[in-house]
Amino acid sequence: MAERDLFQTEDTSPAVARLYGQPMDALPEDLFIPPEALEIFLETFEGPLDLLLYMIRRQNFNILDIPMAALTAQYLQYVDRIRAIKLELAAEYLLMAAVLVEIKSRMLLPKPNLEADGEPEDPRAELVKKLLQYEQMKRAAQNIDRLPRIGRDFFTPSATVIFSGEKILPTVTAEALQMVLLDMVERAKLTAHHTITPQELSVREHMTSILRQLKHGKFVTFEELFDVTQGVAVIVVHFLALLELTKESLVQITQENSDAPIFVRLAR
């Protein structure tokens, strides 16, 4: 049953529905209307003012001269149909029904005698004012809703960039380490003593020595870690200790470019 066929199109003999364009005075006895259908029908209106405005515009009533008898009868008929199936009706719809009945009753009362320049107060004036204001706001809301809306009509491009708090330093090649080691070996040969003595060297001890040198956490140049006056053997063991610490990710070796100095520091 369409919602626009629930209302009277003429002032007499309202049709409860239309079938193939023909009005029906009563619903078929075997017709089942689920309560959910009327719940949806009720939810199509945003309130009693929306329903009244629809009924007025539907029948081309003059909003400044509303026929209260016909409008009230149709509104009460609508309310009664909903209540007939025991559907919970919002209180504001029942309140509007009471307002319409009051206005209709006041219009039936005899008008008081006024002076020549006076006019009787129209009981419909307040209702007409509310309807005009509601229609104006409804049209404004519809115009705003037609405007392009982000997330509905278009989307803005976006990209997520994840920045790491730690600076990524350049890596050092094995060839660069080899060249630095050979240079220190040549320098160690120039200051080496020719006394032959047995010497025990421990890679672990040199690893501990390197960690002590780097305990402050700052960068140290590669050459500062080595004492070329101790001989080639000590330099080689110290170099092996440095490689072992690098393998275990305990120290970090970096170089800006192939010609730049090599720096060493504790790994974070």
Protein backbone atom coordinates (compact mmCIF):
# COMPACT_ATOMS: atom_id res chain seq x y z
CA MET A 1 0.00 0.00 0.00
CA ALA A 2 1.70 3.22 -1.15
CA GLU A 3 2.00 6.00 1.37
CA ARG A 4 0.55 8.66 -0.96
CA ASP A 5 -2.69 6.68 -1.34
CA LEU A 6 -3.46 6.70 2.38
CA PHE A 7 -4.87 10.22 2.34
CA GLN A 8 -8.13 11.61 1.05
CA THR A 9 -7.93 13.39 -2.27
CA GLU A 10 -11.40 14.90 -1.86
CA ASP A 11 -13.35 16.20 1.13
CA THR A 12 -15.93 13.37 1.05
CA SER A 13 -15.74 9.56 1.13
CA PRO A 14 -12.03 9.09 1.73
CA ALA A 15 -10.51 6.06 0.05
CA VAL A 16 -8.43 3.81 2.26
CA ALA A 17 -6.41 2.66 -0.78
CA ARG A 18 -6.40 2.50 -4.56
CA LEU A 19 -6.23 -0.63 -6.67
CA TYR A 20 -5.41 -0.15 -10.37
CA GLY A 21 -6.38 3.51 -9.97
CA GLN A 22 -9.81 2.75 -8.48
CA PRO A 23 -10.58 3.92 -4.91
CA MET A 24 -11.43 1.31 -2.27
CA ASP A 25 -13.80 2.18 0.58
CA ALA A 26 -12.58 -0.64 2.84
CA LEU A 27 -9.64 -2.98 3.05
CA PRO A 28 -10.19 -6.60 2.01
CA GLU A 29 -10.82 -8.86 5.01
CA ASP A 30 -8.10 -11.29 3.97
CA LEU A 31 -5.52 -8.54 3.43
CA PHE A 32 -2.60 -8.78 5.84
CA ILE A 33 -0.51 -5.66 6.44
CA PRO A 34 2.58 -6.40 8.53
CA PRO A 35 3.23 -3.86 11.29
CA GLU A 36 6.68 -3.23 9.84
CA ALA A 37 5.08 -1.72 6.72
CA LEU A 38 3.34 1.02 8.70
CA GLU A 39 6.43 1.55 10.82
CA ILE A 40 8.34 2.33 7.62
CA PHE A 41 5.48 4.54 6.46
CA LEU A 42 5.61 6.51 9.71
CA GLU A 43 9.38 6.86 9.52
CA THR A 44 9.13 8.51 6.08
CA PHE A 45 7.93 11.66 7.85
CA GLU A 46 10.20 13.60 10.18
CA GLY A 47 7.35 14.61 12.49
CA PRO A 48 3.77 15.85 12.59
CA LEU A 49 4.62 19.13 10.83
CA ASP A 50 6.17 17.16 7.97
CA LEU A 51 3.02 15.03 7.73
CA LEU A 52 0.70 18.06 7.79
CA LEU A 53 2.76 19.86 5.17
CA TYR A 54 2.63 16.78 2.94
CA MET A 55 -1.17 16.55 3.29
CA ILE A 56 -1.61 20.26 2.50
CA ARG A 57 0.64 20.21 -0.56
CA ARG A 58 -0.82 16.86 -1.69
CA GLN A 59 -4.32 18.36 -1.96
CA ASN A 60 -3.28 21.86 -3.06
CA PHE A 61 -4.70 23.52 0.04
CA ASN A 62 -3.89 27.21 0.53
CA ILE A 63 -1.54 27.16 3.48
CA LEU A 64 -2.74 30.65 4.48
CA ASP A 65 -6.38 29.51 4.48
CA ILE A 66 -6.32 25.89 5.62
CA PRO A 67 -9.68 24.06 5.61
CA MET A 68 -9.33 22.79 9.19
CA ALA A 69 -12.33 20.45 9.04
CA ALA A 70 -10.98 18.43 6.11
CA LEU A 71 -7.36 18.52 7.30
CA THR A 72 -8.25 17.50 10.85
CA ALA A 73 -10.47 14.66 9.64
CA GLN A 74 -7.73 13.26 7.44
CA TYR A 75 -5.05 13.60 10.12
CA LEU A 76 -7.24 11.84 12.73
CA GLN A 77 -8.04 9.14 10.18
CA TYR A 78 -4.33 8.57 9.70
CA VAL A 79 -3.72 8.38 13.46
CA ASP A 80 -6.65 6.02 13.98
CA ARG A 81 -5.40 3.65 11.29
CA ILE A 82 -2.03 3.41 12.89
CA ARG A 83 -3.50 2.86 16.35
CA ALA A 84 -5.92 0.26 15.02
CA ILE A 85 -3.09 -2.19 14.51
CA LYS A 86 -1.66 -1.35 17.96
CA LEU A 87 1.46 0.25 16.60
CA GLU A 88 3.24 2.44 19.13
CA LEU A 89 2.74 5.99 17.95
CA ALA A 90 5.05 8.86 18.89
CA ALA A 91 3.57 11.27 21.42
CA GLU A 92 4.17 14.27 19.15
CA TYR A 93 1.72 12.90 16.57
CA LEU A 94 -0.99 12.57 19.22
CA LEU A 95 -0.18 16.06 20.50
CA MET A 96 -0.60 17.51 17.00
CA ALA A 97 -3.96 15.74 16.72
CA ALA A 98 -5.08 17.51 19.90
CA VAL A 99 -3.87 20.86 18.52
CA LEU A 100 -5.83 20.37 15.28
CA VAL A 101 -9.01 19.48 17.19
CA GLU A 102 -8.58 22.58 19.37
CA ILE A 103 -8.13 24.86 16.34
CA LYS A 104 -11.14 23.32 14.65
CA SER A 105 -13.23 23.83 17.80
CA ARG A 106 -12.14 27.47 18.17
CA MET A 107 -13.11 28.17 14.56
CA LEU A 108 -16.62 26.85 15.25
CA LEU A 109 -17.15 29.26 18.13
CA PRO A 110 -18.93 32.56 17.37
CA LYS A 111 -16.57 35.43 16.73
CA PRO A 112 -16.63 38.27 19.30
CA ASN A 113 -17.76 41.75 18.31
CA LEU A 114 -14.76 43.96 17.64
CA GLU A 115 -14.30 47.62 16.78
CA ALA A 116 -14.42 48.76 13.19
CA ASP A 117 -10.64 48.76 12.80
CA GLY A 118 -10.10 45.48 14.62
CA GLU A 119 -9.88 41.98 13.20
CA PRO A 120 -10.55 38.71 15.03
CA GLU A 121 -7.50 36.55 15.75
CA ASP A 122 -7.22 33.57 13.42
CA PRO A 123 -6.77 30.33 15.46
CA ARG A 124 -4.76 28.93 12.54
CA ALA A 125 -2.15 31.71 12.58
CA GLU A 126 0.32 29.96 14.92
CA LEU A 127 0.05 26.65 13.04
CA VAL A 128 0.52 28.38 9.67
CA LYS A 129 3.59 30.18 11.01
CA LYS A 130 5.15 26.92 12.17
CA LEU A 131 4.36 25.21 8.85
CA LEU A 132 5.93 28.02 6.80
CA GLN A 133 9.05 28.05 8.96
CA TYR A 134 9.34 24.27 8.77
CA GLU A 135 8.94 24.29 4.98
CA GLN A 136 11.63 26.95 4.65
CA MET A 137 14.06 24.99 6.82
CA LYS A 138 13.26 21.76 4.98
CA ARG A 139 14.00 23.33 1.59
CA ALA A 140 17.25 24.79 2.93
CA ALA A 141 18.27 21.36 4.24
CA GLN A 142 17.48 19.77 0.87
CA ASN A 143 19.56 22.40 -0.95
CA ILE A 144 22.48 21.80 1.41
CA ASP A 145 22.15 18.04 0.94
CA ARG A 146 22.46 18.49 -2.84
CA LEU A 147 25.86 20.14 -2.46
CA PRO A 148 28.84 17.88 -3.19
CA ARG A 149 29.92 16.16 0.01
CA ILE A 150 33.32 14.73 0.74
CA GLY A 151 33.12 11.00 1.35
CA ARG A 152 29.80 10.73 -0.52
CA ASP A 153 30.26 12.46 -3.89
CA PHE A 154 34.03 12.70 -4.04
CA PHE A 155 37.09 11.67 -2.09
CA THR A 156 40.32 13.46 -1.31
CA PRO A 157 43.61 11.70 -2.05
CA SER A 158 45.62 10.64 0.94
CA ALA A 159 48.85 8.80 1.60
CA THR A 160 50.39 7.39 4.75
CA VAL A 161 54.11 7.91 5.31
CA ILE A 162 55.81 6.14 8.20
CA PHE A 163 58.90 7.90 9.49
CA SER A 164 61.42 6.06 11.61
CA GLY A 165 62.92 7.92 14.53
CA GLU A 166 66.33 6.39 13.95
CA LYS A 167 68.55 7.76 11.21
CA ILE A 168 69.60 5.12 8.70
CA LEU A 169 73.35 5.36 8.25
CA PRO A 170 75.23 4.19 5.15
CA THR A 171 76.89 0.79 5.30
CA VAL A 172 80.63 0.08 5.02
CA THR A 173 81.99 -2.30 2.41
CA ALA A 174 84.47 -5.06 3.19
CA GLU A 175 86.92 -3.53 0.72
CA ALA A 176 86.98 -0.29 2.68
CA LEU A 177 87.74 -2.15 5.92
CA GLN A 178 90.49 -4.10 4.18
CA MET A 179 92.17 -0.95 2.92
CA VAL A 180 92.12 0.69 6.33
CA LEU A 181 93.53 -2.46 7.98
CA LEU A 182 96.37 -2.73 5.47
CA ASP A 183 97.24 0.91 6.03
CA MET A 184 97.46 0.38 9.81
CA VAL A 185 99.55 -2.76 9.35
CA GLU A 186 102.06 -0.84 7.24
CA ARG A 187 102.23 1.88 9.87
CA ALA A 188 102.65 -0.76 12.60
CA LYS A 189 105.62 -2.28 10.76
CA LEU A 190 107.42 1.06 10.84
CA THR A 191 107.25 1.19 14.64
CA ALA A 192 107.54 -2.54 15.37
CA HIS A 193 110.32 -3.83 17.68
CA HIS A 194 112.43 -6.74 16.55
CA THR A 195 112.42 -8.48 19.95
CA ILE A 196 110.75 -11.85 19.62
CA THR A 197 108.69 -12.81 22.66
CA PRO A 198 105.80 -15.22 23.07
CA GLN A 199 102.47 -13.38 23.24
CA GLU A 200 98.98 -14.71 23.98
CA LEU A 201 96.18 -12.69 22.42
CA SER A 202 92.49 -13.16 23.22
CA VAL A 203 89.76 -11.99 20.84
CA ARG A 204 87.30 -11.81 23.77
CA GLU A 205 89.57 -9.49 25.70
CA HIS A 206 89.90 -7.21 22.71
CA MET A 207 86.12 -7.25 22.26
CA THR A 208 85.78 -6.07 25.86
CA SER A 209 88.39 -3.39 25.23
CA ILE A 210 86.50 -2.08 22.20
CA LEU A 211 83.21 -1.95 24.13
CA ARG A 212 84.93 0.10 26.83
CA GLN A 213 86.18 2.54 24.19
CA LEU A 214 82.64 2.93 22.81
CA LYS A 215 80.73 3.00 26.11
CA HIS A 216 79.99 6.73 25.82
CA GLY A 217 77.78 5.96 22.78
CA LYS A 218 79.37 8.48 20.43
CA PHE A 219 81.05 7.88 17.09
CA VAL A 220 84.74 7.01 17.14
CA THR A 221 86.96 6.92 14.08
CA PHE A 222 88.23 3.55 12.98
CA GLU A 223 91.87 4.53 13.57
CA GLU A 224 91.18 5.65 17.16
CA LEU A 225 90.26 2.06 18.11
CA PHE A 226 93.73 0.77 17.17
CA ASP A 227 97.13 1.39 18.71
CA VAL A 228 99.62 0.89 15.89
CA THR A 229 102.54 0.89 18.37
CA GLN A 230 101.51 -2.56 19.71
CA GLY A 231 102.44 -4.42 16.57
CA VAL A 232 100.76 -6.19 13.68
CA ALA A 233 99.54 -9.16 15.71
CA VAL A 234 97.63 -6.97 18.16
CA ILE A 235 96.09 -4.98 15.31
CA VAL A 236 94.92 -8.15 13.57
CA VAL A 237 93.37 -9.57 16.77
CA HIS A 238 91.77 -6.20 17.54
CA PHE A 239 90.36 -6.14 14.02
CA LEU A 240 88.95 -9.66 14.43
CA ALA A 241 87.37 -8.58 17.72
CA LEU A 242 85.71 -5.64 15.92
CA LEU A 243 84.37 -7.93 13.21
CA GLU A 244 83.00 -10.30 15.85
CA LEU A 245 81.20 -7.42 17.62
CA THR A 246 79.74 -6.33 14.28
CA LYS A 247 78.57 -9.87 13.57
CA GLU A 248 76.83 -9.97 16.95
CA SER A 249 75.20 -6.56 16.22
CA LEU A 250 76.91 -4.97 19.21
CA VAL A 251 78.65 -2.22 17.23
CA GLN A 252 77.75 -0.27 14.10
CA ILE A 253 80.22 0.75 11.40
CA THR A 254 79.31 3.56 8.99
CA GLN A 255 80.87 5.66 6.22
CA GLU A 256 79.35 8.54 4.26
CA ASN A 257 81.13 7.67 1.02
CA SER A 258 84.13 5.72 -0.27
CA ASP A 259 86.60 8.51 0.52
CA ALA A 260 85.15 9.53 3.87
CA PRO A 261 86.48 8.37 7.28
CA ILE A 262 84.98 5.23 8.81
CA PHE A 263 83.19 5.65 12.14
CA VAL A 264 82.28 3.10 14.79
CA ARG A 265 79.79 3.29 17.66
CA LEU A 266 77.72 1.04 19.89
CA ALA A 267 74.65 -0.35 18.16
CA ARG A 268 71.29 0.84 19.48
